[in-house]
Amino acid sequence: MSTTPATLLVFAEQDTSDTLAVELTLDGYQVRRASDASALRARCAPGDVQLIVLSATADHQAVSLDVLHALRAGELAPQVD
């Protein structure tokens, strides 16, 4: 069993991601934050992040859904041979 903490990426508006990052860090996770698709791409190498937490706030919901669709389509990760 690995003792390395899981790496999570919080995709949310700045205030929300700051709050979540503090709580998740206190729980022992390594946390990265992004508020747009380009930042998400820059902070996620293949196999580097175990879980992405998407914001559910009304102001950020459409952006989060767009990112979810892009993730499903493989648009945010490099192609693996």
C-alpha atoms as a PDB file:
ATOM      1  CA  MET A   1       0.000   0.000   0.000  1.00  0.00           C
ATOM      2  CA  SER A   2       1.340   3.431  -0.961  1.00  0.00           C
ATOM      3  CA  THR A   3       1.864   6.103   1.683  1.00  0.00           C
ATOM      4  CA  THR A   4       1.876   8.873  -0.921  1.00  0.00           C
ATOM      5  CA  PRO A   5      -1.244  11.013  -0.509  1.00  0.00           C
ATOM      6  CA  ALA A   6      -3.692  11.080  -3.400  1.00  0.00           C
ATOM      7  CA  THR A   7      -3.526  14.124  -5.637  1.00  0.00           C
ATOM      8  CA  LEU A   8      -6.823  15.892  -6.185  1.00  0.00           C
ATOM      9  CA  LEU A   9      -7.576  18.757  -8.532  1.00  0.00           C
ATOM     10  CA  VAL A  10     -10.280  21.232  -7.518  1.00  0.00           C
ATOM     11  CA  PHE A  11     -11.873  22.898 -10.543  1.00  0.00           C
ATOM     12  CA  ALA A  12     -13.803  25.859  -9.178  1.00  0.00           C
ATOM     13  CA  GLU A  13     -13.898  29.619  -8.803  1.00  0.00           C
ATOM     14  CA  GLN A  14     -11.020  31.028  -6.740  1.00  0.00           C
ATOM     15  CA  ASP A  15     -12.922  31.463  -3.449  1.00  0.00           C
ATOM     16  CA  THR A  16     -14.448  27.999  -3.612  1.00  0.00           C
ATOM     17  CA  SER A  17     -11.208  26.310  -4.613  1.00  0.00           C
ATOM     18  CA  ASP A  18      -9.294  28.058  -1.809  1.00  0.00           C
ATOM     19  CA  THR A  19     -11.763  26.812   0.803  1.00  0.00           C
ATOM     20  CA  LEU A  20     -11.846  23.261  -0.556  1.00  0.00           C
ATOM     21  CA  ALA A  21      -8.056  23.151  -0.941  1.00  0.00           C
ATOM     22  CA  VAL A  22      -7.512  24.061   2.704  1.00  0.00           C
ATOM     23  CA  GLU A  23      -9.941  21.396   3.934  1.00  0.00           C
ATOM     24  CA  LEU A  24      -8.609  18.681   1.627  1.00  0.00           C
ATOM     25  CA  THR A  25      -5.002  19.502   2.531  1.00  0.00           C
ATOM     26  CA  LEU A  26      -5.884  19.194   6.224  1.00  0.00           C
ATOM     27  CA  ASP A  27      -7.270  15.737   5.389  1.00  0.00           C
ATOM     28  CA  GLY A  28      -3.884  14.751   3.941  1.00  0.00           C
ATOM     29  CA  TYR A  29      -4.437  15.149   0.202  1.00  0.00           C
ATOM     30  CA  GLN A  30      -2.131  16.895  -2.248  1.00  0.00           C
ATOM     31  CA  VAL A  31      -4.313  19.523  -3.881  1.00  0.00           C
ATOM     32  CA  ARG A  32      -4.034  21.421  -7.135  1.00  0.00           C
ATOM     33  CA  ARG A  33      -6.452  24.110  -8.265  1.00  0.00           C
ATOM     34  CA  ALA A  34      -7.755  25.323 -11.611  1.00  0.00           C
ATOM     35  CA  SER A  35     -10.500  27.704 -12.632  1.00  0.00           C
ATOM     36  CA  ASP A  36     -10.454  27.209 -16.415  1.00  0.00           C
ATOM     37  CA  ALA A  37      -9.723  24.471 -18.941  1.00  0.00           C
ATOM     38  CA  SER A  38      -6.243  25.738 -19.834  1.00  0.00           C
ATOM     39  CA  ALA A  39      -5.195  25.755 -16.159  1.00  0.00           C
ATOM     40  CA  LEU A  40      -6.660  22.271 -15.799  1.00  0.00           C
ATOM     41  CA  ARG A  41      -4.540  21.043 -18.724  1.00  0.00           C
ATOM     42  CA  ALA A  42      -1.425  22.663 -17.274  1.00  0.00           C
ATOM     43  CA  ARG A  43      -1.874  21.044 -13.853  1.00  0.00           C
ATOM     44  CA  CYS A  44      -2.725  17.494 -14.978  1.00  0.00           C
ATOM     45  CA  ALA A  45      -0.154  15.181 -16.476  1.00  0.00           C
ATOM     46  CA  PRO A  46      -1.432  11.705 -17.415  1.00  0.00           C
ATOM     47  CA  GLY A  47      -1.743   9.562 -14.284  1.00  0.00           C
ATOM     48  CA  ASP A  48      -0.805  12.488 -12.063  1.00  0.00           C
ATOM     49  CA  VAL A  49      -4.219  13.352 -10.586  1.00  0.00           C
ATOM     50  CA  GLN A  50      -6.470  10.697  -9.052  1.00  0.00           C
ATOM     51  CA  LEU A  51      -9.643  12.790  -8.763  1.00  0.00           C
ATOM     52  CA  ILE A  52     -11.010  16.047 -10.158  1.00  0.00           C
ATOM     53  CA  VAL A  53     -13.572  17.850  -8.006  1.00  0.00           C
ATOM     54  CA  LEU A  54     -15.873  20.005 -10.141  1.00  0.00           C
ATOM     55  CA  SER A  55     -17.594  23.082  -8.747  1.00  0.00           C
ATOM     56  CA  ALA A  56     -21.356  23.014  -8.353  1.00  0.00           C
ATOM     57  CA  THR A  57     -21.921  26.745  -7.872  1.00  0.00           C
ATOM     58  CA  ALA A  58     -24.478  28.334 -10.175  1.00  0.00           C
ATOM     59  CA  ASP A  59     -21.960  30.828 -11.581  1.00  0.00           C
ATOM     60  CA  HIS A  60     -19.443  28.118 -12.485  1.00  0.00           C
ATOM     61  CA  GLN A  61     -21.804  25.269 -13.400  1.00  0.00           C
ATOM     62  CA  ALA A  62     -21.752  25.791 -17.185  1.00  0.00           C
ATOM     63  CA  VAL A  63     -17.946  25.960 -17.221  1.00  0.00           C
ATOM     64  CA  SER A  64     -17.720  22.797 -15.098  1.00  0.00           C
ATOM     65  CA  LEU A  65     -20.064  20.957 -17.466  1.00  0.00           C
ATOM     66  CA  ASP A  66     -17.985  22.073 -20.467  1.00  0.00           C
ATOM     67  CA  VAL A  67     -14.864  20.739 -18.752  1.00  0.00           C
ATOM     68  CA  LEU A  68     -16.582  17.462 -17.914  1.00  0.00           C
ATOM     69  CA  HIS A  69     -17.603  17.033 -21.560  1.00  0.00           C
ATOM     70  CA  ALA A  70     -14.043  17.831 -22.697  1.00  0.00           C
ATOM     71  CA  LEU A  71     -12.616  15.291 -20.243  1.00  0.00           C
ATOM     72  CA  ARG A  72     -14.987  12.608 -21.514  1.00  0.00           C
ATOM     73  CA  ALA A  73     -14.021  13.408 -25.090  1.00  0.00           C
ATOM     74  CA  GLY A  74     -10.306  13.142 -24.233  1.00  0.00           C
ATOM     75  CA  GLU A  75      -9.689  16.774 -25.174  1.00  0.00           C
ATOM     76  CA  LEU A  76      -7.869  17.721 -21.944  1.00  0.00           C
ATOM     77  CA  ALA A  77      -5.366  14.881 -21.788  1.00  0.00           C
ATOM     78  CA  PRO A  78      -2.531  14.053 -24.168  1.00  0.00           C
ATOM     79  CA  GLN A  79      -3.161  11.038 -26.336  1.00  0.00           C
ATOM     80  CA  VAL A  80      -1.628   7.815 -25.061  1.00  0.00           C
ATOM     81  CA  ASP A  81      -0.073   5.441 -27.590  1.00  0.00           C
END
